[in-house]
């Protein structure tokens, strides 16, 4: 009896495993960056880079979900990517006034 692991489930295709893990890392780093900047400034700040990391990580996870044919990943990341795009658009409009999104 052979046990399937996360690595053997991909049939040896480590490229897509890297895309998925890389996307998850980018998506998770956005929170660490937001926390670090908020601690530095002493107030709650949502910097533009938060949305950039969310969008890039979301795109990687969308590609991974497409490869896996996983509707849960696709729907979740599609919505998150749309929110990130919209916030990047709003941040660009506000950048002349505040230098990014600040809450």
Protein backbone atom coordinates (compact mmCIF):
# COMPACT_ATOMS: atom_id res chain seq x y z
CA UNK A 1 0.00 0.00 0.00
CA UNK A 2 1.49 3.30 -1.10
CA UNK A 3 0.74 6.44 0.88
CA UNK A 4 0.19 9.60 -1.14
CA UNK A 5 2.01 12.68 0.16
CA UNK A 6 1.84 16.30 -0.91
CA UNK A 7 4.91 15.72 -3.07
CA UNK A 8 3.77 12.53 -4.78
CA UNK A 9 0.27 13.94 -5.40
CA UNK A 10 1.82 16.22 -8.02
CA UNK A 11 3.34 13.37 -9.96
CA UNK A 12 6.77 14.89 -9.47
CA UNK A 13 5.71 18.28 -10.85
CA UNK A 14 7.51 20.51 -8.39
CA UNK A 15 6.96 23.62 -10.52
CA UNK A 16 3.29 23.86 -9.53
CA UNK A 17 4.08 23.01 -5.95
CA UNK A 18 6.54 25.93 -5.99
CA UNK A 19 3.92 28.24 -7.53
CA UNK A 20 1.41 27.32 -4.84
CA UNK A 21 3.85 27.61 -1.95
CA UNK A 22 5.36 30.82 -3.34
CA UNK A 23 1.92 32.35 -3.73
CA UNK A 24 0.99 31.39 -0.20
CA UNK A 25 4.25 32.90 1.08
CA UNK A 26 3.62 36.20 -0.74
CA UNK A 27 0.03 36.27 0.44
CA UNK A 28 1.09 35.66 4.04
CA UNK A 29 3.96 38.14 3.98
CA UNK A 30 1.53 40.98 3.32
CA UNK A 31 0.22 40.65 6.88
CA UNK A 32 3.73 40.58 8.38
CA UNK A 33 4.67 43.70 6.39
CA UNK A 34 1.50 45.52 7.43
CA UNK A 35 2.15 44.63 11.08
CA UNK A 36 5.79 45.75 10.89
CA UNK A 37 4.90 49.11 9.33
CA UNK A 38 2.09 49.67 11.84
CA UNK A 39 4.48 48.95 14.72
CA UNK A 40 7.07 51.34 13.25
CA UNK A 41 4.57 54.17 12.87
CA UNK A 42 2.70 53.49 16.10
CA UNK A 43 -0.69 53.39 14.36
CA UNK A 44 -2.68 51.05 12.15
CA UNK A 45 -1.45 51.53 8.59
CA UNK A 46 -2.38 49.58 5.46
CA UNK A 47 0.45 50.36 3.02
CA UNK A 48 0.17 49.98 -0.74
CA UNK A 49 2.67 47.12 -0.62
CA UNK A 50 0.06 45.14 1.35
CA UNK A 51 -2.19 45.15 -1.70
CA UNK A 52 0.70 44.44 -4.09
CA UNK A 53 1.71 41.34 -2.14
CA UNK A 54 -1.93 40.28 -1.87
CA UNK A 55 -2.44 40.65 -5.61
CA UNK A 56 0.79 38.86 -6.60
CA UNK A 57 0.19 36.06 -4.11
CA UNK A 58 -3.42 35.82 -5.22
CA UNK A 59 -2.39 35.48 -8.88
CA UNK A 60 0.02 32.67 -8.02
CA UNK A 61 -2.67 30.92 -6.00
CA UNK A 62 -5.18 31.43 -8.83
CA UNK A 63 -2.77 29.72 -11.23
CA UNK A 64 -2.21 26.95 -8.71
CA UNK A 65 -5.97 26.51 -8.23
CA UNK A 66 -6.44 26.38 -12.00
CA UNK A 67 -3.77 23.67 -12.27
CA UNK A 68 -5.38 21.72 -9.42
CA UNK A 69 -8.89 22.33 -10.85
CA UNK A 70 -9.95 23.42 -7.37
CA UNK A 71 -13.06 25.64 -7.41
CA UNK A 72 -12.63 26.63 -3.75
CA UNK A 73 -9.18 28.13 -4.40
CA UNK A 74 -10.32 29.71 -7.66
CA UNK A 75 -13.37 31.46 -6.21
CA UNK A 76 -11.55 32.59 -3.05
CA UNK A 77 -8.52 33.98 -4.83
CA UNK A 78 -10.50 35.55 -7.66
CA UNK A 79 -12.47 37.67 -5.20
CA UNK A 80 -9.35 38.58 -3.20
CA UNK A 81 -7.47 39.54 -6.36
CA UNK A 82 -10.33 41.79 -7.46
CA UNK A 83 -10.30 43.53 -4.07
CA UNK A 84 -6.52 43.99 -4.28
CA UNK A 85 -6.76 45.47 -7.77
CA UNK A 86 -9.45 47.91 -6.67
CA UNK A 87 -7.48 48.98 -3.62
CA UNK A 88 -4.36 49.48 -5.73
CA UNK A 89 -6.42 51.71 -8.02
CA UNK A 90 -7.70 53.70 -5.04
CA UNK A 91 -4.21 53.89 -3.58
CA UNK A 92 -2.88 55.34 -6.81
CA UNK A 93 -5.54 58.06 -6.75
CA UNK A 94 -4.75 58.89 -3.11
CA UNK A 95 -0.98 58.65 -3.44
CA UNK A 96 -0.66 62.36 -4.09
CA UNK A 97 -2.31 63.11 -0.77
CA UNK A 98 -1.23 60.36 1.64
CA UNK A 99 1.44 58.26 -0.04
CA UNK A 100 -0.81 55.19 0.02
CA UNK A 101 -3.77 53.73 1.88
CA UNK A 102 -3.82 54.69 5.55
CA UNK A 103 -6.55 53.75 7.98
